[in-house]
Every structure is written in structure tokens, then in C-alpha cells.
Amino acid sequence: MKHDIVQIDDVETVIGNAITRLLKIGESPEAENIINMIQLMSMVSSDQNLKARCEEAKCLILKHLKTS
């Protein structure tokens, strides 16, 4: 259970970092922009753990959009 909580925290951190980066460059933190920033973060990282969290974050946002 604790492992799941850590993963959720990591995913939330990835989403938060993407939003922060968007705001710093003057872009709107809309879902599409957040997903694009997460993809960019994943592409430039060599950390496989971060790449996995980015993919989870992207999937979480897309799932939320489909149910909204």
C-alpha cells in the first residue's frame, strides 16, 4: 500500500512540475499543454523512473478527461 502512495505522490509531483514549467514560460496550464510538457520532460530525461511516472501522469490526465 505504501508503494502505491509513493507512486501517486510521484505522479502528482510530475504534474505539478509540468504546470510550474508552463507558468514560468507564460503558457496556460490547460490539459493539452500539461500533457505536452510531461511528454517533453520524459523525452529529455534519461531516468527510467521519471519516464514511467510521466507516462502514468499522462494516462491519469487522459483518463480524467474522458470521464469529465
PDB file of N, CA and C in Angstrom:
ATOM      1  N   MET A   1       0.822  -1.190   0.000  1.00  0.00           N
ATOM      2  CA  MET A   1       0.000   0.000   0.000  1.00  0.00           C
ATOM      3  C   MET A   1       0.870   1.260   0.000  1.00  0.00           C
ATOM      4  N   LYS A   2       1.925   1.265   0.821  1.00  0.00           N
ATOM      5  CA  LYS A   2       2.794   2.436   0.886  1.00  0.00           C
ATOM      6  C   LYS A   2       3.437   2.705  -0.477  1.00  0.00           C
ATOM      7  N   HIS A   3       3.786   1.656  -1.200  1.00  0.00           N
ATOM      8  CA  HIS A   3       4.384   1.804  -2.528  1.00  0.00           C
ATOM      9  C   HIS A   3       3.425   2.551  -3.460  1.00  0.00           C
ATOM     10  N   ASP A   4       2.119   2.228  -3.382  1.00  0.00           N
ATOM     11  CA  ASP A   4       1.119   2.903  -4.204  1.00  0.00           C
ATOM     12  C   ASP A   4       1.040   4.386  -3.861  1.00  0.00           C
ATOM     13  N   ILE A   5       1.134   4.714  -2.581  1.00  0.00           N
ATOM     14  CA  ILE A   5       1.077   6.109  -2.146  1.00  0.00           C
ATOM     15  C   ILE A   5       2.277   6.866  -2.687  1.00  0.00           C
ATOM     16  N   VAL A   6       3.457   6.269  -2.632  1.00  0.00           N
ATOM     17  CA  VAL A   6       4.660   6.909  -3.162  1.00  0.00           C
ATOM     18  C   VAL A   6       4.491   7.156  -4.650  1.00  0.00           C
ATOM     19  N   GLN A   7       3.958   6.191  -5.380  1.00  0.00           N
ATOM     20  CA  GLN A   7       3.762   6.364  -6.821  1.00  0.00           C
ATOM     21  C   GLN A   7       2.782   7.489  -7.109  1.00  0.00           C
ATOM     22  N   ILE A   8       1.698   7.576  -6.337  1.00  0.00           N
ATOM     23  CA  ILE A   8       0.723   8.649  -6.535  1.00  0.00           C
ATOM     24  C   ILE A   8       1.381   9.991  -6.254  1.00  0.00           C
ATOM     25  N   ASP A   9       2.157  10.075  -5.186  1.00  0.00           N
ATOM     26  CA  ASP A   9       2.876  11.311  -4.880  1.00  0.00           C
ATOM     27  C   ASP A   9       3.825  11.679  -6.010  1.00  0.00           C
ATOM     28  N   ASP A  10       4.518  10.699  -6.553  1.00  0.00           N
ATOM     29  CA  ASP A  10       5.443  10.943  -7.661  1.00  0.00           C
ATOM     30  C   ASP A  10       4.709  11.453  -8.895  1.00  0.00           C
ATOM     31  N   VAL A  11       3.561  10.880  -9.186  1.00  0.00           N
ATOM     32  CA  VAL A  11       2.767  11.295 -10.340  1.00  0.00           C
ATOM     33  C   VAL A  11       2.253  12.720 -10.134  1.00  0.00           C
ATOM     34  N   GLU A  12       1.783  13.005  -8.928  1.00  0.00           N
ATOM     35  CA  GLU A  12       1.316  14.365  -8.625  1.00  0.00           C
ATOM     36  C   GLU A  12       2.466  15.359  -8.740  1.00  0.00           C
ATOM     37  N   THR A  13       3.651  14.960  -8.340  1.00  0.00           N
ATOM     38  CA  THR A  13       4.823  15.827  -8.453  1.00  0.00           C
ATOM     39  C   THR A  13       5.146  16.108  -9.915  1.00  0.00           C
ATOM     40  N   VAL A  14       5.063  15.100 -10.755  1.00  0.00           N
ATOM     41  CA  VAL A  14       5.315  15.280 -12.191  1.00  0.00           C
ATOM     42  C   VAL A  14       4.310  16.277 -12.775  1.00  0.00           C
ATOM     43  N   ILE A  15       3.036  16.115 -12.430  1.00  0.00           N
ATOM     44  CA  ILE A  15       2.010  17.026 -12.931  1.00  0.00           C
ATOM     45  C   ILE A  15       2.268  18.442 -12.412  1.00  0.00           C
ATOM     46  N   GLY A  16       2.598  18.561 -11.133  1.00  0.00           N
ATOM     47  CA  GLY A  16       2.905  19.868 -10.557  1.00  0.00           C
ATOM     48  C   GLY A  16       4.097  20.532 -11.214  1.00  0.00           C
ATOM     49  N   ASN A  17       5.128  19.749 -11.479  1.00  0.00           N
ATOM     50  CA  ASN A  17       6.317  20.293 -12.154  1.00  0.00           C
ATOM     51  C   ASN A  17       5.983  20.762 -13.571  1.00  0.00           C
ATOM     52  N   ALA A  18       5.151  20.010 -14.259  1.00  0.00           N
ATOM     53  CA  ALA A  18       4.754  20.401 -15.617  1.00  0.00           C
ATOM     54  C   ALA A  18       3.983  21.724 -15.577  1.00  0.00           C
ATOM     55  N   ILE A  19       3.069  21.860 -14.635  1.00  0.00           N
ATOM     56  CA  ILE A  19       2.298  23.098 -14.508  1.00  0.00           C
ATOM     57  C   ILE A  19       3.220  24.268 -14.178  1.00  0.00           C
ATOM     58  N   THR A  20       4.139  24.063 -13.249  1.00  0.00           N
ATOM     59  CA  THR A  20       5.087  25.115 -12.875  1.00  0.00           C
ATOM     60  C   THR A  20       5.911  25.559 -14.074  1.00  0.00           C
ATOM     61  N   ARG A  21       6.399  24.600 -14.843  1.00  0.00           N
ATOM     62  CA  ARG A  21       7.201  24.938 -16.031  1.00  0.00           C
ATOM     63  C   ARG A  21       6.384  25.718 -17.049  1.00  0.00           C
ATOM     64  N   LEU A  22       5.120  25.323 -17.229  1.00  0.00           N
ATOM     65  CA  LEU A  22       4.259  26.050 -18.160  1.00  0.00           C
ATOM     66  C   LEU A  22       4.055  27.494 -17.710  1.00  0.00           C
ATOM     67  N   LEU A  23       3.783  27.673 -16.436  1.00  0.00           N
ATOM     68  CA  LEU A  23       3.560  29.020 -15.917  1.00  0.00           C
ATOM     69  C   LEU A  23       4.810  29.884 -16.049  1.00  0.00           C
ATOM     70  N   LYS A  24       5.983  29.272 -15.836  1.00  0.00           N
ATOM     71  CA  LYS A  24       7.235  30.019 -15.946  1.00  0.00           C
ATOM     72  C   LYS A  24       7.483  30.530 -17.364  1.00  0.00           C
ATOM     73  N   ILE A  25       6.997  29.797 -18.348  1.00  0.00           N
ATOM     74  CA  ILE A  25       7.213  30.235 -19.737  1.00  0.00           C
ATOM     75  C   ILE A  25       5.996  30.982 -20.290  1.00  0.00           C
ATOM     76  N   GLY A  26       5.028  31.242 -19.426  1.00  0.00           N
ATOM     77  CA  GLY A  26       3.872  32.035 -19.823  1.00  0.00           C
ATOM     78  C   GLY A  26       2.794  31.283 -20.573  1.00  0.00           C
ATOM     79  N   GLU A  27       2.793  29.976 -20.460  1.00  0.00           N
ATOM     80  CA  GLU A  27       1.773  29.165 -21.129  1.00  0.00           C
ATOM     81  C   GLU A  27       0.654  28.820 -20.154  1.00  0.00           C
ATOM     82  N   SER A  28      -0.522  28.619 -20.690  1.00  0.00           N
ATOM     83  CA  SER A  28      -1.685  28.265 -19.892  1.00  0.00           C
ATOM     84  C   SER A  28      -1.599  26.797 -19.453  1.00  0.00           C
ATOM     85  N   PRO A  29      -1.905  26.518 -18.176  1.00  0.00           N
ATOM     86  CA  PRO A  29      -1.849  25.131 -17.709  1.00  0.00           C
ATOM     87  C   PRO A  29      -3.113  24.337 -18.054  1.00  0.00           C
ATOM     88  N   GLU A  30      -3.457  24.312 -19.326  1.00  0.00           N
ATOM     89  CA  GLU A  30      -4.580  23.511 -19.803  1.00  0.00           C
ATOM     90  C   GLU A  30      -4.109  22.074 -19.973  1.00  0.00           C
ATOM     91  N   ALA A  31      -5.048  21.155 -19.980  1.00  0.00           N
ATOM     92  CA  ALA A  31      -4.713  19.730 -20.039  1.00  0.00           C
ATOM     93  C   ALA A  31      -3.781  19.394 -21.195  1.00  0.00           C
ATOM     94  N   GLU A  32      -4.073  19.913 -22.379  1.00  0.00           N
ATOM     95  CA  GLU A  32      -3.238  19.603 -23.546  1.00  0.00           C
ATOM     96  C   GLU A  32      -1.801  20.092 -23.338  1.00  0.00           C
ATOM     97  N   ASN A  33      -1.656  21.293 -22.806  1.00  0.00           N
ATOM     98  CA  ASN A  33      -0.316  21.828 -22.549  1.00  0.00           C
ATOM     99  C   ASN A  33       0.411  21.029 -21.474  1.00  0.00           C
ATOM    100  N   ILE A  34      -0.326  20.604 -20.455  1.00  0.00           N
ATOM    101  CA  ILE A  34       0.290  19.805 -19.388  1.00  0.00           C
ATOM    102  C   ILE A  34       0.800  18.487 -19.959  1.00  0.00           C
ATOM    103  N   ILE A  35      -0.024  17.843 -20.771  1.00  0.00           N
ATOM    104  CA  ILE A  35       0.383  16.576 -21.393  1.00  0.00           C
ATOM    105  C   ILE A  35       1.611  16.780 -22.275  1.00  0.00           C
ATOM    106  N   ASN A  36       1.605  17.841 -23.058  1.00  0.00           N
ATOM    107  CA  ASN A  36       2.766  18.120 -23.915  1.00  0.00           C
ATOM    108  C   ASN A  36       4.028  18.356 -23.091  1.00  0.00           C
ATOM    109  N   MET A  37       3.909  19.089 -21.996  1.00  0.00           N
ATOM    110  CA  MET A  37       5.071  19.347 -21.144  1.00  0.00           C
ATOM    111  C   MET A  37       5.554  18.049 -20.494  1.00  0.00           C
ATOM    112  N   ILE A  38       4.634  17.210 -20.064  1.00  0.00           N
ATOM    113  CA  ILE A  38       5.021  15.924 -19.467  1.00  0.00           C
ATOM    114  C   ILE A  38       5.765  15.075 -20.500  1.00  0.00           C
ATOM    115  N   GLN A  39       5.282  15.068 -21.744  1.00  0.00           N
ATOM    116  CA  GLN A  39       5.966  14.320 -22.798  1.00  0.00           C
ATOM    117  C   GLN A  39       7.369  14.879 -23.034  1.00  0.00           C
ATOM    118  N   LEU A  40       7.492  16.186 -23.020  1.00  0.00           N
ATOM    119  CA  LEU A  40       8.801  16.813 -23.188  1.00  0.00           C
ATOM    120  C   LEU A  40       9.735  16.450 -22.035  1.00  0.00           C
ATOM    121  N   MET A  41       9.210  16.505 -20.808  1.00  0.00           N
ATOM    122  CA  MET A  41      10.015  16.143 -19.638  1.00  0.00           C
ATOM    123  C   MET A  41      10.509  14.694 -19.758  1.00  0.00           C
ATOM    124  N   SER A  42       9.652  13.825 -20.241  1.00  0.00           N
ATOM    125  CA  SER A  42      10.018  12.419 -20.398  1.00  0.00           C
ATOM    126  C   SER A  42      11.084  12.243 -21.474  1.00  0.00           C
ATOM    127  N   MET A  43      10.942  12.988 -22.567  1.00  0.00           N
ATOM    128  CA  MET A  43      11.881  12.860 -23.683  1.00  0.00           C
ATOM    129  C   MET A  43      13.295  13.293 -23.306  1.00  0.00           C
ATOM    130  N   VAL A  44      13.412  14.335 -22.497  1.00  0.00           N
ATOM    131  CA  VAL A  44      14.739  14.863 -22.189  1.00  0.00           C
ATOM    132  C   VAL A  44      15.390  14.171 -20.993  1.00  0.00           C
ATOM    133  N   SER A  45      14.637  13.339 -20.289  1.00  0.00           N
ATOM    134  CA  SER A  45      15.188  12.660 -19.116  1.00  0.00           C
ATOM    135  C   SER A  45      15.798  11.315 -19.492  1.00  0.00           C
ATOM    136  N   SER A  46      16.876  10.984 -18.823  1.00  0.00           N
ATOM    137  CA  SER A  46      17.463   9.650 -19.002  1.00  0.00           C
ATOM    138  C   SER A  46      17.047   8.725 -17.855  1.00  0.00           C
ATOM    139  N   ASP A  47      16.313   9.254 -16.896  1.00  0.00           N
ATOM    140  CA  ASP A  47      15.857   8.499 -15.718  1.00  0.00           C
ATOM    141  C   ASP A  47      14.614   7.672 -16.083  1.00  0.00           C
ATOM    142  N   GLN A  48      14.755   6.372 -16.092  1.00  0.00           N
ATOM    143  CA  GLN A  48      13.643   5.491 -16.456  1.00  0.00           C
ATOM    144  C   GLN A  48      12.481   5.589 -15.475  1.00  0.00           C
ATOM    145  N   ASN A  49      12.777   5.837 -14.201  1.00  0.00           N
ATOM    146  CA  ASN A  49      11.730   6.001 -13.202  1.00  0.00           C
ATOM    147  C   ASN A  49      10.892   7.238 -13.531  1.00  0.00           C
ATOM    148  N   LEU A  50      11.545   8.330 -13.879  1.00  0.00           N
ATOM    149  CA  LEU A  50      10.819   9.550 -14.243  1.00  0.00           C
ATOM    150  C   LEU A  50      10.003   9.326 -15.504  1.00  0.00           C
ATOM    151  N   LYS A  51      10.569   8.637 -16.469  1.00  0.00           N
ATOM    152  CA  LYS A  51       9.829   8.349 -17.700  1.00  0.00           C
ATOM    153  C   LYS A  51       8.549   7.559 -17.386  1.00  0.00           C
ATOM    154  N   ALA A  52       8.647   6.599 -16.478  1.00  0.00           N
ATOM    155  CA  ALA A  52       7.476   5.800 -16.091  1.00  0.00           C
ATOM    156  C   ALA A  52       6.439   6.668 -15.394  1.00  0.00           C
ATOM    157  N   ARG A  53       6.887   7.549 -14.506  1.00  0.00           N
ATOM    158  CA  ARG A  53       5.958   8.442 -13.786  1.00  0.00           C
ATOM    159  C   ARG A  53       5.309   9.418 -14.753  1.00  0.00           C
ATOM    160  N   CYS A  54       6.054   9.886 -15.743  1.00  0.00           N
ATOM    161  CA  CYS A  54       5.493  10.779 -16.755  1.00  0.00           C
ATOM    162  C   CYS A  54       4.392  10.066 -17.528  1.00  0.00           C
ATOM    163  N   GLU A  55       4.622   8.833 -17.888  1.00  0.00           N
ATOM    164  CA  GLU A  55       3.613   8.064 -18.622  1.00  0.00           C
ATOM    165  C   GLU A  55       2.365   7.868 -17.758  1.00  0.00           C
ATOM    166  N   GLU A  56       2.563   7.560 -16.479  1.00  0.00           N
ATOM    167  CA  GLU A  56       1.427   7.401 -15.563  1.00  0.00           C
ATOM    168  C   GLU A  56       0.655   8.706 -15.429  1.00  0.00           C
ATOM    169  N   ALA A  57       1.371   9.808 -15.321  1.00  0.00           N
ATOM    170  CA  ALA A  57       0.725  11.115 -15.188  1.00  0.00           C
ATOM    171  C   ALA A  57      -0.091  11.435 -16.432  1.00  0.00           C
ATOM    172  N   LYS A  58       0.490  11.187 -17.593  1.00  0.00           N
ATOM    173  CA  LYS A  58      -0.201  11.435 -18.862  1.00  0.00           C
ATOM    174  C   LYS A  58      -1.476  10.592 -18.942  1.00  0.00           C
ATOM    175  N   CYS A  59      -1.385   9.331 -18.580  1.00  0.00           N
ATOM    176  CA  CYS A  59      -2.544   8.440 -18.608  1.00  0.00           C
ATOM    177  C   CYS A  59      -3.612   8.887 -17.618  1.00  0.00           C
ATOM    178  N   LEU A  60      -3.197   9.339 -16.459  1.00  0.00           N
ATOM    179  CA  LEU A  60      -4.138   9.818 -15.443  1.00  0.00           C
ATOM    180  C   LEU A  60      -4.910  11.027 -15.953  1.00  0.00           C
ATOM    181  N   ILE A  61      -4.231  11.961 -16.583  1.00  0.00           N
ATOM    182  CA  ILE A  61      -4.887  13.153 -17.126  1.00  0.00           C
ATOM    183  C   ILE A  61      -5.851  12.759 -18.250  1.00  0.00           C
ATOM    184  N   LEU A  62      -5.404  11.900 -19.144  1.00  0.00           N
ATOM    185  CA  LEU A  62      -6.265  11.471 -20.252  1.00  0.00           C
ATOM    186  C   LEU A  62      -7.502  10.729 -19.739  1.00  0.00           C
ATOM    187  N   LYS A  63      -7.324   9.901 -18.727  1.00  0.00           N
ATOM    188  CA  LYS A  63      -8.450   9.171 -18.131  1.00  0.00           C
ATOM    189  C   LYS A  63      -9.434  10.162 -17.523  1.00  0.00           C
ATOM    190  N   HIS A  64      -8.917  11.168 -16.845  1.00  0.00           N
ATOM    191  CA  HIS A  64      -9.778  12.181 -16.230  1.00  0.00           C
ATOM    192  C   HIS A  64     -10.564  12.942 -17.306  1.00  0.00           C
ATOM    193  N   LEU A  65      -9.906  13.268 -18.399  1.00  0.00           N
ATOM    194  CA  LEU A  65     -10.564  13.999 -19.479  1.00  0.00           C
ATOM    195  C   LEU A  65     -11.703  13.180 -20.099  1.00  0.00           C
ATOM    196  N   LYS A  66     -11.511  11.870 -20.203  1.00  0.00           N
ATOM    197  CA  LYS A  66     -12.525  11.007 -20.795  1.00  0.00           C
ATOM    198  C   LYS A  66     -13.746  10.872 -19.900  1.00  0.00           C
ATOM    199  N   THR A  67     -13.538  10.973 -18.584  1.00  0.00           N
ATOM    200  CA  THR A  67     -14.652  10.806 -17.639  1.00  0.00           C
ATOM    201  C   THR A  67     -15.309  12.140 -17.275  1.00  0.00           C
ATOM    202  N   SER A  68     -14.742  13.240 -17.737  1.00  0.00           N
ATOM    203  CA  SER A  68     -15.306  14.556 -17.416  1.00  0.00           C
ATOM    204  C   SER A  68     -16.400  14.941 -18.380  1.00  0.00           C
TER     205      SER A  68
END
